[in-house]
Amino acid sequence: MPITRRRLFGLLAGAGALVGVPSLWMSRMKTYDGPASDHFDGLNFFDPDGAPPKSLREVLRWQLGGKRQRATWPD
């Protein structure tokens, strides 16, 4: 099946739509806009006293490792 000019333009238009539509949608999303507080600096939320975030490797090891125990459900 040879690639014709019509098929090439269709593929390029489809690829453009796959990139363009979500980027337009995300640019119009509402974000939180509020006063600064202990956990919000006006732009980002953070936990000043919490544990530092884990690396992707540590998270994958936690998720895919077989040593997880099911926690008991509190009543």
PDB file of N, CA and C in Angstrom:
ATOM      1  N   MET A   1       0.849  -1.166   0.000  1.00  0.00           N
ATOM      2  CA  MET A   1       0.000   0.000   0.000  1.00  0.00           C
ATOM      3  C   MET A   1       0.903   1.241   0.000  1.00  0.00           C
ATOM      4  N   PRO A   2       1.032   1.901  -1.136  1.00  0.00           N
ATOM      5  CA  PRO A   2       1.908   3.071  -1.207  1.00  0.00           C
ATOM      6  C   PRO A   2       1.307   4.263  -0.455  1.00  0.00           C
ATOM      7  N   ILE A   3       2.194   5.088   0.038  1.00  0.00           N
ATOM      8  CA  ILE A   3       1.740   6.293   0.740  1.00  0.00           C
ATOM      9  C   ILE A   3       1.495   7.380  -0.304  1.00  0.00           C
ATOM     10  N   THR A   4       0.254   7.749  -0.439  1.00  0.00           N
ATOM     11  CA  THR A   4      -0.106   8.805  -1.375  1.00  0.00           C
ATOM     12  C   THR A   4      -0.069  10.143  -0.647  1.00  0.00           C
ATOM     13  N   ARG A   5      -0.145  11.184  -1.421  1.00  0.00           N
ATOM     14  CA  ARG A   5      -0.135  12.519  -0.835  1.00  0.00           C
ATOM     15  C   ARG A   5      -1.338  12.724   0.080  1.00  0.00           C
ATOM     16  N   ARG A   6      -2.489  12.200  -0.309  1.00  0.00           N
ATOM     17  CA  ARG A   6      -3.709  12.331   0.502  1.00  0.00           C
ATOM     18  C   ARG A   6      -3.536  11.610   1.844  1.00  0.00           C
ATOM     19  N   ARG A   7      -2.979  10.397   1.816  1.00  0.00           N
ATOM     20  CA  ARG A   7      -2.774   9.628   3.045  1.00  0.00           C
ATOM     21  C   ARG A   7      -1.742  10.325   3.946  1.00  0.00           C
ATOM     22  N   LEU A   8      -0.674  10.866   3.347  1.00  0.00           N
ATOM     23  CA  LEU A   8       0.348  11.570   4.117  1.00  0.00           C
ATOM     24  C   LEU A   8      -0.241  12.801   4.802  1.00  0.00           C
ATOM     25  N   PHE A   9      -1.017  13.591   4.068  1.00  0.00           N
ATOM     26  CA  PHE A   9      -1.639  14.769   4.678  1.00  0.00           C
ATOM     27  C   PHE A   9      -2.644  14.378   5.753  1.00  0.00           C
ATOM     28  N   GLY A  10      -3.354  13.273   5.551  1.00  0.00           N
ATOM     29  CA  GLY A  10      -4.281  12.787   6.575  1.00  0.00           C
ATOM     30  C   GLY A  10      -3.556  12.376   7.844  1.00  0.00           C
ATOM     31  N   LEU A  11      -2.428  11.675   7.692  1.00  0.00           N
ATOM     32  CA  LEU A  11      -1.638  11.281   8.861  1.00  0.00           C
ATOM     33  C   LEU A  11      -1.071  12.498   9.588  1.00  0.00           C
ATOM     34  N   LEU A  12      -0.587  13.472   8.831  1.00  0.00           N
ATOM     35  CA  LEU A  12      -0.052  14.685   9.459  1.00  0.00           C
ATOM     36  C   LEU A  12      -1.148  15.476  10.169  1.00  0.00           C
ATOM     37  N   ALA A  13      -2.330  15.547   9.570  1.00  0.00           N
ATOM     38  CA  ALA A  13      -3.445  16.251  10.212  1.00  0.00           C
ATOM     39  C   ALA A  13      -3.875  15.523  11.478  1.00  0.00           C
ATOM     40  N   GLY A  14      -3.915  14.201  11.431  1.00  0.00           N
ATOM     41  CA  GLY A  14      -4.267  13.429  12.622  1.00  0.00           C
ATOM     42  C   GLY A  14      -3.248  13.606  13.732  1.00  0.00           C
ATOM     43  N   ALA A  15      -1.964  13.594  13.381  1.00  0.00           N
ATOM     44  CA  ALA A  15      -0.924  13.798  14.390  1.00  0.00           C
ATOM     45  C   ALA A  15      -1.015  15.203  14.977  1.00  0.00           C
ATOM     46  N   GLY A  16      -1.300  16.182  14.131  1.00  0.00           N
ATOM     47  CA  GLY A  16      -1.461  17.547  14.633  1.00  0.00           C
ATOM     48  C   GLY A  16      -2.637  17.675  15.577  1.00  0.00           C
ATOM     49  N   ALA A  17      -3.725  16.979  15.260  1.00  0.00           N
ATOM     50  CA  ALA A  17      -4.897  17.011  16.142  1.00  0.00           C
ATOM     51  C   ALA A  17      -4.604  16.309  17.459  1.00  0.00           C
ATOM     52  N   LEU A  18      -3.846  15.208  17.418  1.00  0.00           N
ATOM     53  CA  LEU A  18      -3.502  14.494  18.653  1.00  0.00           C
ATOM     54  C   LEU A  18      -2.657  15.350  19.587  1.00  0.00           C
ATOM     55  N   VAL A  19      -1.842  16.219  19.035  1.00  0.00           N
ATOM     56  CA  VAL A  19      -1.011  17.094  19.860  1.00  0.00           C
ATOM     57  C   VAL A  19      -1.743  18.389  20.189  1.00  0.00           C
ATOM     58  N   GLY A  20      -2.444  18.950  19.228  1.00  0.00           N
ATOM     59  CA  GLY A  20      -3.036  20.270  19.393  1.00  0.00           C
ATOM     60  C   GLY A  20      -4.254  20.325  20.287  1.00  0.00           C
ATOM     61  N   VAL A  21      -5.158  19.366  20.157  1.00  0.00           N
ATOM     62  CA  VAL A  21      -6.403  19.405  20.934  1.00  0.00           C
ATOM     63  C   VAL A  21      -6.137  19.293  22.435  1.00  0.00           C
ATOM     64  N   PRO A  22      -5.340  18.322  22.905  1.00  0.00           N
ATOM     65  CA  PRO A  22      -5.080  18.272  24.356  1.00  0.00           C
ATOM     66  C   PRO A  22      -4.323  19.493  24.877  1.00  0.00           C
ATOM     67  N   SER A  23      -3.415  20.049  24.066  1.00  0.00           N
ATOM     68  CA  SER A  23      -2.681  21.215  24.549  1.00  0.00           C
ATOM     69  C   SER A  23      -3.603  22.427  24.674  1.00  0.00           C
ATOM     70  N   LEU A  24      -4.546  22.589  23.762  1.00  0.00           N
ATOM     71  CA  LEU A  24      -5.520  23.674  23.895  1.00  0.00           C
ATOM     72  C   LEU A  24      -6.420  23.449  25.101  1.00  0.00           C
ATOM     73  N   TRP A  25      -6.835  22.209  25.310  1.00  0.00           N
ATOM     74  CA  TRP A  25      -7.698  21.871  26.443  1.00  0.00           C
ATOM     75  C   TRP A  25      -6.977  22.141  27.758  1.00  0.00           C
ATOM     76  N   MET A  26      -5.710  21.748  27.852  1.00  0.00           N
ATOM     77  CA  MET A  26      -4.971  21.936  29.101  1.00  0.00           C
ATOM     78  C   MET A  26      -4.668  23.412  29.359  1.00  0.00           C
ATOM     79  N   SER A  27      -4.482  24.202  28.318  1.00  0.00           N
ATOM     80  CA  SER A  27      -4.183  25.613  28.524  1.00  0.00           C
ATOM     81  C   SER A  27      -5.403  26.379  29.032  1.00  0.00           C
ATOM     82  N   ARG A  28      -6.609  25.848  28.831  1.00  0.00           N
ATOM     83  CA  ARG A  28      -7.820  26.522  29.276  1.00  0.00           C
ATOM     84  C   ARG A  28      -8.323  26.023  30.622  1.00  0.00           C
ATOM     85  N   MET A  29      -7.622  25.055  31.226  1.00  0.00           N
ATOM     86  CA  MET A  29      -8.047  24.518  32.515  1.00  0.00           C
ATOM     87  C   MET A  29      -7.856  25.560  33.610  1.00  0.00           C
ATOM     88  N   LYS A  30      -8.775  25.579  34.551  1.00  0.00           N
ATOM     89  CA  LYS A  30      -8.675  26.483  35.688  1.00  0.00           C
ATOM     90  C   LYS A  30      -7.686  25.910  36.695  1.00  0.00           C
ATOM     91  N   THR A  31      -6.894  26.757  37.285  1.00  0.00           N
ATOM     92  CA  THR A  31      -5.971  26.344  38.332  1.00  0.00           C
ATOM     93  C   THR A  31      -6.340  27.074  39.611  1.00  0.00           C
ATOM     94  N   TYR A  32      -5.878  26.557  40.724  1.00  0.00           N
ATOM     95  CA  TYR A  32      -6.194  27.170  42.004  1.00  0.00           C
ATOM     96  C   TYR A  32      -5.503  28.515  42.098  1.00  0.00           C
ATOM     97  N   ASP A  33      -6.238  29.502  42.523  1.00  0.00           N
ATOM     98  CA  ASP A  33      -5.702  30.843  42.703  1.00  0.00           C
ATOM     99  C   ASP A  33      -6.161  31.326  44.063  1.00  0.00           C
ATOM    100  N   GLY A  34      -5.259  31.359  45.016  1.00  0.00           N
ATOM    101  CA  GLY A  34      -5.634  31.749  46.361  1.00  0.00           C
ATOM    102  C   GLY A  34      -4.465  32.357  47.101  1.00  0.00           C
ATOM    103  N   PRO A  35      -4.723  32.750  48.340  1.00  0.00           N
ATOM    104  CA  PRO A  35      -3.665  33.383  49.118  1.00  0.00           C
ATOM    105  C   PRO A  35      -2.600  32.370  49.531  1.00  0.00           C
ATOM    106  N   ALA A  36      -1.404  32.868  49.769  1.00  0.00           N
ATOM    107  CA  ALA A  36      -0.313  32.014  50.239  1.00  0.00           C
ATOM    108  C   ALA A  36      -0.593  31.563  51.666  1.00  0.00           C
ATOM    109  N   SER A  37      -0.157  30.345  51.985  1.00  0.00           N
ATOM    110  CA  SER A  37      -0.357  29.802  53.326  1.00  0.00           C
ATOM    111  C   SER A  37       0.867  28.966  53.691  1.00  0.00           C
ATOM    112  N   ASP A  38       0.738  28.190  54.772  1.00  0.00           N
ATOM    113  CA  ASP A  38       1.853  27.352  55.203  1.00  0.00           C
ATOM    114  C   ASP A  38       2.184  26.268  54.181  1.00  0.00           C
ATOM    115  N   HIS A  39       1.195  25.840  53.407  1.00  0.00           N
ATOM    116  CA  HIS A  39       1.397  24.751  52.458  1.00  0.00           C
ATOM    117  C   HIS A  39       1.202  25.181  51.010  1.00  0.00           C
ATOM    118  N   PHE A  40       1.052  26.461  50.763  1.00  0.00           N
ATOM    119  CA  PHE A  40       0.847  26.957  49.409  1.00  0.00           C
ATOM    120  C   PHE A  40       1.580  28.274  49.278  1.00  0.00           C
ATOM    121  N   ASP A  41       2.497  28.358  48.316  1.00  0.00           N
ATOM    122  CA  ASP A  41       3.294  29.573  48.148  1.00  0.00           C
ATOM    123  C   ASP A  41       2.712  30.531  47.109  1.00  0.00           C
ATOM    124  N   GLY A  42       1.483  30.301  46.693  1.00  0.00           N
ATOM    125  CA  GLY A  42       0.853  31.126  45.678  1.00  0.00           C
ATOM    126  C   GLY A  42       0.904  30.492  44.306  1.00  0.00           C
ATOM    127  N   LEU A  43       1.762  29.491  44.139  1.00  0.00           N
ATOM    128  CA  LEU A  43       1.912  28.809  42.865  1.00  0.00           C
ATOM    129  C   LEU A  43       1.872  27.291  43.011  1.00  0.00           C
ATOM    130  N   ASN A  44       2.518  26.769  44.046  1.00  0.00           N
ATOM    131  CA  ASN A  44       2.633  25.320  44.233  1.00  0.00           C
ATOM    132  C   ASN A  44       2.236  24.920  45.639  1.00  0.00           C
ATOM    133  N   PHE A  45       1.642  23.726  45.754  1.00  0.00           N
ATOM    134  CA  PHE A  45       1.369  23.133  47.051  1.00  0.00           C
ATOM    135  C   PHE A  45       2.582  22.306  47.455  1.00  0.00           C
ATOM    136  N   PHE A  46       2.885  22.266  48.754  1.00  0.00           N
ATOM    137  CA  PHE A  46       4.004  21.475  49.247  1.00  0.00           C
ATOM    138  C   PHE A  46       3.758  21.113  50.699  1.00  0.00           C
ATOM    139  N   ASP A  47       4.514  20.146  51.198  1.00  0.00           N
ATOM    140  CA  ASP A  47       4.420  19.680  52.578  1.00  0.00           C
ATOM    141  C   ASP A  47       5.743  20.004  53.264  1.00  0.00           C
ATOM    142  N   PRO A  48       5.805  21.086  54.055  1.00  0.00           N
ATOM    143  CA  PRO A  48       7.086  21.507  54.622  1.00  0.00           C
ATOM    144  C   PRO A  48       7.654  20.533  55.648  1.00  0.00           C
ATOM    145  N   ASP A  49       6.815  19.778  56.343  1.00  0.00           N
ATOM    146  CA  ASP A  49       7.303  18.882  57.383  1.00  0.00           C
ATOM    147  C   ASP A  49       7.266  17.421  56.966  1.00  0.00           C
ATOM    148  N   GLY A  50       6.845  17.133  55.771  1.00  0.00           N
ATOM    149  CA  GLY A  50       6.673  15.747  55.337  1.00  0.00           C
ATOM    150  C   GLY A  50       7.964  15.126  54.845  1.00  0.00           C
ATOM    151  N   ALA A  51       7.858  13.867  54.491  1.00  0.00           N
ATOM    152  CA  ALA A  51       9.000  13.140  53.954  1.00  0.00           C
ATOM    153  C   ALA A  51       9.287  13.623  52.534  1.00  0.00           C
ATOM    154  N   PRO A  52      10.548  13.624  52.128  1.00  0.00           N
ATOM    155  CA  PRO A  52      10.853  14.028  50.753  1.00  0.00           C
ATOM    156  C   PRO A  52      10.269  13.024  49.765  1.00  0.00           C
ATOM    157  N   PRO A  53       9.954  13.460  48.561  1.00  0.00           N
ATOM    158  CA  PRO A  53       9.352  12.542  47.591  1.00  0.00           C
ATOM    159  C   PRO A  53      10.313  11.428  47.211  1.00  0.00           C
ATOM    160  N   LYS A  54       9.745  10.279  46.902  1.00  0.00           N
ATOM    161  CA  LYS A  54      10.541   9.117  46.509  1.00  0.00           C
ATOM    162  C   LYS A  54      10.895   9.214  45.028  1.00  0.00           C
ATOM    163  N   SER A  55      11.953   8.515  44.655  1.00  0.00           N
ATOM    164  CA  SER A  55      12.333   8.468  43.245  1.00  0.00           C
ATOM    165  C   SER A  55      11.413   7.491  42.512  1.00  0.00           C
ATOM    166  N   LEU A  56      11.400   7.575  41.207  1.00  0.00           N
ATOM    167  CA  LEU A  56      10.578   6.675  40.404  1.00  0.00           C
ATOM    168  C   LEU A  56      11.001   5.230  40.632  1.00  0.00           C
ATOM    169  N   ARG A  57      12.280   5.009  40.785  1.00  0.00           N
ATOM    170  CA  ARG A  57      12.775   3.651  41.030  1.00  0.00           C
ATOM    171  C   ARG A  57      12.224   3.086  42.339  1.00  0.00           C
ATOM    172  N   GLU A  58      12.216   3.897  43.386  1.00  0.00           N
ATOM    173  CA  GLU A  58      11.694   3.441  44.677  1.00  0.00           C
ATOM    174  C   GLU A  58      10.192   3.179  44.614  1.00  0.00           C
ATOM    175  N   VAL A  59       9.463   4.014  43.901  1.00  0.00           N
ATOM    176  CA  VAL A  59       8.016   3.820  43.769  1.00  0.00           C
ATOM    177  C   VAL A  59       7.722   2.541  42.990  1.00  0.00           C
ATOM    178  N   LEU A  60       8.452   2.292  41.904  1.00  0.00           N
ATOM    179  CA  LEU A  60       8.240   1.070  41.134  1.00  0.00           C
ATOM    180  C   LEU A  60       8.613  -0.162  41.947  1.00  0.00           C
ATOM    181  N   ARG A  61       9.675  -0.080  42.730  1.00  0.00           N
ATOM    182  CA  ARG A  61      10.053  -1.209  43.576  1.00  0.00           C
ATOM    183  C   ARG A  61       8.958  -1.489  44.601  1.00  0.00           C
ATOM    184  N   TRP A  62       8.361  -0.434  45.146  1.00  0.00           N
ATOM    185  CA  TRP A  62       7.278  -0.598  46.118  1.00  0.00           C
ATOM    186  C   TRP A  62       6.045  -1.219  45.459  1.00  0.00           C
ATOM    187  N   GLN A  63       5.697  -0.736  44.260  1.00  0.00           N
ATOM    188  CA  GLN A  63       4.497  -1.217  43.577  1.00  0.00           C
ATOM    189  C   GLN A  63       4.656  -2.633  43.038  1.00  0.00           C
ATOM    190  N   LEU A  64       5.808  -2.943  42.493  1.00  0.00           N
ATOM    191  CA  LEU A  64       5.994  -4.221  41.818  1.00  0.00           C
ATOM    192  C   LEU A  64       6.607  -5.288  42.709  1.00  0.00           C
ATOM    193  N   GLY A  65       7.121  -4.888  43.861  1.00  0.00           N
ATOM    194  CA  GLY A  65       7.700  -5.864  44.777  1.00  0.00           C
ATOM    195  C   GLY A  65       6.606  -6.699  45.419  1.00  0.00           C
ATOM    196  N   GLY A  66       6.924  -7.924  45.772  1.00  0.00           N
ATOM    197  CA  GLY A  66       5.920  -8.823  46.322  1.00  0.00           C
ATOM    198  C   GLY A  66       5.836  -8.801  47.834  1.00  0.00           C
ATOM    199  N   LYS A  67       6.472  -7.849  48.488  1.00  0.00           N
ATOM    200  CA  LYS A  67       6.531  -7.849  49.949  1.00  0.00           C
ATOM    201  C   LYS A  67       5.487  -6.950  50.599  1.00  0.00           C
ATOM    202  N   ARG A  68       4.525  -6.473  49.829  1.00  0.00           N
ATOM    203  CA  ARG A  68       3.507  -5.596  50.414  1.00  0.00           C
ATOM    204  C   ARG A  68       2.496  -6.416  51.194  1.00  0.00           C
ATOM    205  N   GLN A  69       2.109  -5.919  52.337  1.00  0.00           N
ATOM    206  CA  GLN A  69       1.105  -6.564  53.171  1.00  0.00           C
ATOM    207  C   GLN A  69      -0.186  -5.765  53.071  1.00  0.00           C
ATOM    208  N   ARG A  70      -1.296  -6.462  53.038  1.00  0.00           N
ATOM    209  CA  ARG A  70      -2.585  -5.775  53.004  1.00  0.00           C
ATOM    210  C   ARG A  70      -2.871  -5.231  54.398  1.00  0.00           C
ATOM    211  N   ALA A  71      -3.151  -3.955  54.484  1.00  0.00           N
ATOM    212  CA  ALA A  71      -3.446  -3.322  55.765  1.00  0.00           C
ATOM    213  C   ALA A  71      -4.849  -3.708  56.219  1.00  0.00           C
ATOM    214  N   THR A  72      -5.046  -3.742  57.518  1.00  0.00           N
ATOM    215  CA  THR A  72      -6.380  -4.035  58.040  1.00  0.00           C
ATOM    216  C   THR A  72      -7.246  -2.792  57.907  1.00  0.00           C
ATOM    217  N   TRP A  73      -8.495  -3.012  57.571  1.00  0.00           N
ATOM    218  CA  TRP A  73      -9.424  -1.904  57.379  1.00  0.00           C
ATOM    219  C   TRP A  73      -9.934  -1.439  58.738  1.00  0.00           C
ATOM    220  N   PRO A  74      -9.823  -0.136  59.038  1.00  0.00           N
ATOM    221  CA  PRO A  74     -10.314   0.343  60.337  1.00  0.00           C
ATOM    222  C   PRO A  74     -11.840   0.365  60.368  1.00  0.00           C
ATOM    223  N   ASP A  75     -12.396  -0.033  61.490  1.00  0.00           N
ATOM    224  CA  ASP A  75     -13.859  -0.040  61.636  1.00  0.00           C
ATOM    225  C   ASP A  75     -14.356   1.225  62.284  1.00  0.00           C
TER     226      ASP A  75
END
